[in-house]
C-alpha cells in the first residue's frame, strides 16, 4: 500500500524543486552575461589590433584580423 504524503512533505518537495529551477536559471543567466562580456572584450581587442595593422600598413594581419572579427560577429 502506498503511503500518502502530507501537505508539509508535498510543500517541501515543491519548494526544493523551485529552488533547483531557480538555481539552473541563475546559472544560465550568469553564463549568458559572462559570455557576452568575453565577446565584447574579444571584439574590442580585435578592433584595436586591426587599427594597429592599419597604422603599420600590415595587409596580411589586417585581412586575418578582419576575417576573425567577421566570424566573431557572425557575418
N, C-alpha and C. Protein backbone atom coordinates (compact mmCIF):
# COMPACT_ATOMS: atom_id res chain seq x y z
N UNK A 1 0.85 -1.17 0.00
CA UNK A 1 0.00 0.00 0.00
C UNK A 1 0.90 1.25 0.00
N UNK A 2 0.53 2.21 -0.81
CA UNK A 2 1.32 3.43 -0.96
C UNK A 2 0.98 4.43 0.13
N UNK A 3 2.01 4.98 0.73
CA UNK A 3 1.82 5.97 1.79
C UNK A 3 1.54 7.32 1.14
N UNK A 4 0.50 7.98 1.58
CA UNK A 4 0.18 9.31 1.06
C UNK A 4 1.03 10.34 1.77
N UNK A 5 1.51 11.32 1.01
CA UNK A 5 2.36 12.35 1.58
C UNK A 5 1.52 13.44 2.22
N UNK A 6 2.07 13.98 3.27
CA UNK A 6 1.38 15.06 3.97
C UNK A 6 1.54 16.36 3.17
N UNK A 7 0.74 17.33 3.52
CA UNK A 7 0.83 18.65 2.88
C UNK A 7 2.22 19.23 3.07
N UNK A 8 2.79 19.08 4.26
CA UNK A 8 4.13 19.61 4.54
C UNK A 8 5.19 18.93 3.68
N UNK A 9 5.08 17.63 3.49
CA UNK A 9 6.03 16.92 2.64
C UNK A 9 5.92 17.38 1.18
N UNK A 10 4.70 17.53 0.71
CA UNK A 10 4.49 17.99 -0.66
C UNK A 10 5.01 19.41 -0.85
N UNK A 11 4.77 20.27 0.14
CA UNK A 11 5.24 21.65 0.08
C UNK A 11 6.77 21.70 0.08
N UNK A 12 7.39 20.87 0.89
CA UNK A 12 8.85 20.81 0.94
C UNK A 12 9.41 20.36 -0.41
N UNK A 13 8.83 19.33 -1.01
CA UNK A 13 9.28 18.86 -2.33
C UNK A 13 9.11 19.95 -3.38
N UNK A 14 7.98 20.63 -3.35
CA UNK A 14 7.72 21.70 -4.31
C UNK A 14 8.74 22.82 -4.16
N UNK A 15 9.00 23.20 -2.92
CA UNK A 15 9.97 24.28 -2.65
C UNK A 15 11.36 23.90 -3.13
N UNK A 16 11.77 22.67 -2.89
CA UNK A 16 13.09 22.22 -3.32
C UNK A 16 13.17 22.21 -4.85
N UNK A 17 12.12 21.78 -5.52
CA UNK A 17 12.10 21.78 -6.98
C UNK A 17 12.19 23.20 -7.51
N UNK A 18 11.47 24.11 -6.90
CA UNK A 18 11.52 25.51 -7.33
C UNK A 18 12.92 26.09 -7.15
N UNK A 19 13.55 25.77 -6.04
CA UNK A 19 14.90 26.27 -5.77
C UNK A 19 15.89 25.73 -6.80
N UNK A 20 15.76 24.45 -7.16
CA UNK A 20 16.63 23.88 -8.18
C UNK A 20 16.42 24.57 -9.52
N UNK A 21 15.17 24.83 -9.88
CA UNK A 21 14.87 25.50 -11.14
C UNK A 21 15.43 26.92 -11.15
N UNK A 22 15.29 27.63 -10.03
CA UNK A 22 15.81 28.99 -9.94
C UNK A 22 17.33 28.99 -10.03
N UNK A 23 17.97 28.00 -9.43
CA UNK A 23 19.42 27.90 -9.49
C UNK A 23 19.88 27.66 -10.93
N UNK A 24 19.20 26.78 -11.64
CA UNK A 24 19.53 26.50 -13.03
C UNK A 24 19.35 27.75 -13.88
N UNK A 25 18.26 28.47 -13.65
CA UNK A 25 18.01 29.70 -14.41
C UNK A 25 19.08 30.74 -14.12
N UNK A 26 19.48 30.87 -12.87
CA UNK A 26 20.52 31.83 -12.50
C UNK A 26 21.85 31.45 -13.15
N UNK A 27 22.18 30.17 -13.16
CA UNK A 27 23.41 29.72 -13.82
C UNK A 27 23.38 30.07 -15.30
N UNK A 28 22.23 29.89 -15.95
CA UNK A 28 22.10 30.21 -17.37
C UNK A 28 22.31 31.70 -17.59
N UNK A 29 21.69 32.53 -16.77
CA UNK A 29 21.85 33.99 -16.91
C UNK A 29 23.30 34.42 -16.69
N UNK A 30 23.96 33.84 -15.71
CA UNK A 30 25.35 34.18 -15.44
C UNK A 30 26.23 33.78 -16.63
N UNK A 31 26.02 32.57 -17.16
CA UNK A 31 26.79 32.13 -18.34
C UNK A 31 26.56 33.07 -19.51
N UNK A 32 25.31 33.42 -19.75
CA UNK A 32 24.96 34.31 -20.85
C UNK A 32 25.64 35.67 -20.68
N UNK A 33 25.60 36.21 -19.48
CA UNK A 33 26.19 37.51 -19.19
C UNK A 33 27.71 37.48 -19.37
N UNK A 34 28.35 36.47 -18.78
CA UNK A 34 29.81 36.37 -18.87
C UNK A 34 30.27 36.14 -20.31
N UNK A 35 29.55 35.31 -21.05
CA UNK A 35 29.91 35.09 -22.45
C UNK A 35 29.77 36.38 -23.25
N UNK A 36 28.78 37.17 -22.95
CA UNK A 36 28.62 38.47 -23.60
C UNK A 36 29.79 39.40 -23.31
N UNK A 37 30.21 39.42 -22.05
CA UNK A 37 31.36 40.25 -21.69
C UNK A 37 32.64 39.79 -22.39
N UNK A 38 32.83 38.47 -22.45
CA UNK A 38 34.01 37.94 -23.13
C UNK A 38 34.01 38.28 -24.61
N UNK A 39 32.83 38.20 -25.23
CA UNK A 39 32.74 38.53 -26.65
C UNK A 39 33.03 40.02 -26.88
N UNK A 40 32.51 40.87 -26.01
CA UNK A 40 32.77 42.31 -26.14
C UNK A 40 34.27 42.60 -26.01
N UNK A 41 34.91 41.93 -25.06
CA UNK A 41 36.35 42.13 -24.85
C UNK A 41 37.13 41.67 -26.07
N UNK A 42 36.78 40.50 -26.61
CA UNK A 42 37.45 39.96 -27.79
C UNK A 42 37.25 40.89 -28.99
N UNK A 43 36.02 41.40 -29.15
CA UNK A 43 35.74 42.32 -30.26
C UNK A 43 36.58 43.59 -30.14
N UNK A 44 36.67 44.15 -28.93
CA UNK A 44 37.46 45.36 -28.74
C UNK A 44 38.93 45.11 -29.04
N UNK A 45 39.44 43.97 -28.58
CA UNK A 45 40.85 43.64 -28.83
C UNK A 45 41.11 43.49 -30.32
N UNK A 46 40.20 42.82 -31.03
CA UNK A 46 40.37 42.67 -32.48
C UNK A 46 40.34 44.02 -33.18
N UNK A 47 39.43 44.89 -32.78
CA UNK A 47 39.36 46.22 -33.40
C UNK A 47 40.64 47.02 -33.15
N UNK A 48 41.16 46.91 -31.93
CA UNK A 48 42.43 47.59 -31.62
C UNK A 48 43.57 47.03 -32.46
N UNK A 49 43.60 45.69 -32.60
CA UNK A 49 44.65 45.06 -33.40
C UNK A 49 44.51 45.43 -34.88
N UNK A 50 43.28 45.55 -35.37
CA UNK A 50 43.04 45.97 -36.76
C UNK A 50 43.56 47.39 -36.96
N UNK A 51 43.26 48.26 -36.01
CA UNK A 51 43.76 49.64 -36.10
C UNK A 51 45.29 49.67 -36.15
N UNK A 52 45.91 48.84 -35.34
CA UNK A 52 47.37 48.79 -35.31
C UNK A 52 47.91 48.27 -36.65
N UNK A 53 47.26 47.25 -37.21
CA UNK A 53 47.68 46.71 -38.50
C UNK A 53 47.55 47.77 -39.59
N UNK A 54 46.49 48.58 -39.52
CA UNK A 54 46.34 49.67 -40.48
C UNK A 54 47.45 50.70 -40.32
N UNK A 55 47.73 51.04 -39.07
CA UNK A 55 48.79 52.03 -38.81
C UNK A 55 50.14 51.54 -39.35
N UNK A 56 50.36 50.23 -39.24
CA UNK A 56 51.64 49.66 -39.67
C UNK A 56 51.61 49.23 -41.13
N UNK A 57 50.45 49.45 -41.80
CA UNK A 57 50.27 49.04 -43.20
C UNK A 57 50.57 47.55 -43.40
N UNK A 58 50.12 46.75 -42.44
CA UNK A 58 50.33 45.29 -42.47
C UNK A 58 49.07 44.64 -43.05
N UNK A 59 49.06 44.46 -44.35
CA UNK A 59 47.87 43.97 -45.06
C UNK A 59 47.50 42.55 -44.62
N UNK A 60 48.51 41.70 -44.45
CA UNK A 60 48.25 40.31 -44.07
C UNK A 60 47.55 40.23 -42.71
N UNK A 61 48.07 40.94 -41.72
CA UNK A 61 47.45 40.95 -40.39
C UNK A 61 46.07 41.58 -40.44
N UNK A 62 45.94 42.66 -41.20
CA UNK A 62 44.64 43.33 -41.33
C UNK A 62 43.59 42.36 -41.87
N UNK A 63 43.93 41.63 -42.93
CA UNK A 63 42.99 40.69 -43.54
C UNK A 63 42.62 39.57 -42.57
N UNK A 64 43.63 39.01 -41.91
CA UNK A 64 43.38 37.91 -40.96
C UNK A 64 42.50 38.38 -39.81
N UNK A 65 42.83 39.53 -39.23
CA UNK A 65 42.07 40.05 -38.08
C UNK A 65 40.65 40.45 -38.48
N UNK A 66 40.51 41.02 -39.67
CA UNK A 66 39.18 41.41 -40.15
C UNK A 66 38.30 40.17 -40.33
N UNK A 67 38.88 39.12 -40.90
CA UNK A 67 38.11 37.87 -41.07
C UNK A 67 37.73 37.27 -39.72
N UNK A 68 38.64 37.35 -38.77
CA UNK A 68 38.34 36.84 -37.42
C UNK A 68 37.21 37.64 -36.77
N UNK A 69 37.24 38.96 -36.95
CA UNK A 69 36.17 39.81 -36.40
C UNK A 69 34.84 39.49 -37.07
N UNK A 70 34.85 39.26 -38.37
CA UNK A 70 33.62 38.91 -39.08
C UNK A 70 33.05 37.60 -38.53
N UNK A 71 33.91 36.59 -38.30
CA UNK A 71 33.45 35.33 -37.73
C UNK A 71 32.85 35.53 -36.34
N UNK A 72 33.53 36.36 -35.54
CA UNK A 72 33.04 36.61 -34.19
C UNK A 72 31.66 37.26 -34.21
N UNK A 73 31.46 38.17 -35.16
CA UNK A 73 30.19 38.89 -35.25
C UNK A 73 29.14 38.14 -36.05
N UNK A 74 29.51 36.97 -36.60
CA UNK A 74 28.57 36.17 -37.35
C UNK A 74 28.23 36.72 -38.72
N UNK A 75 29.19 37.36 -39.35
CA UNK A 75 28.96 37.93 -40.68
C UNK A 75 29.70 37.17 -41.74
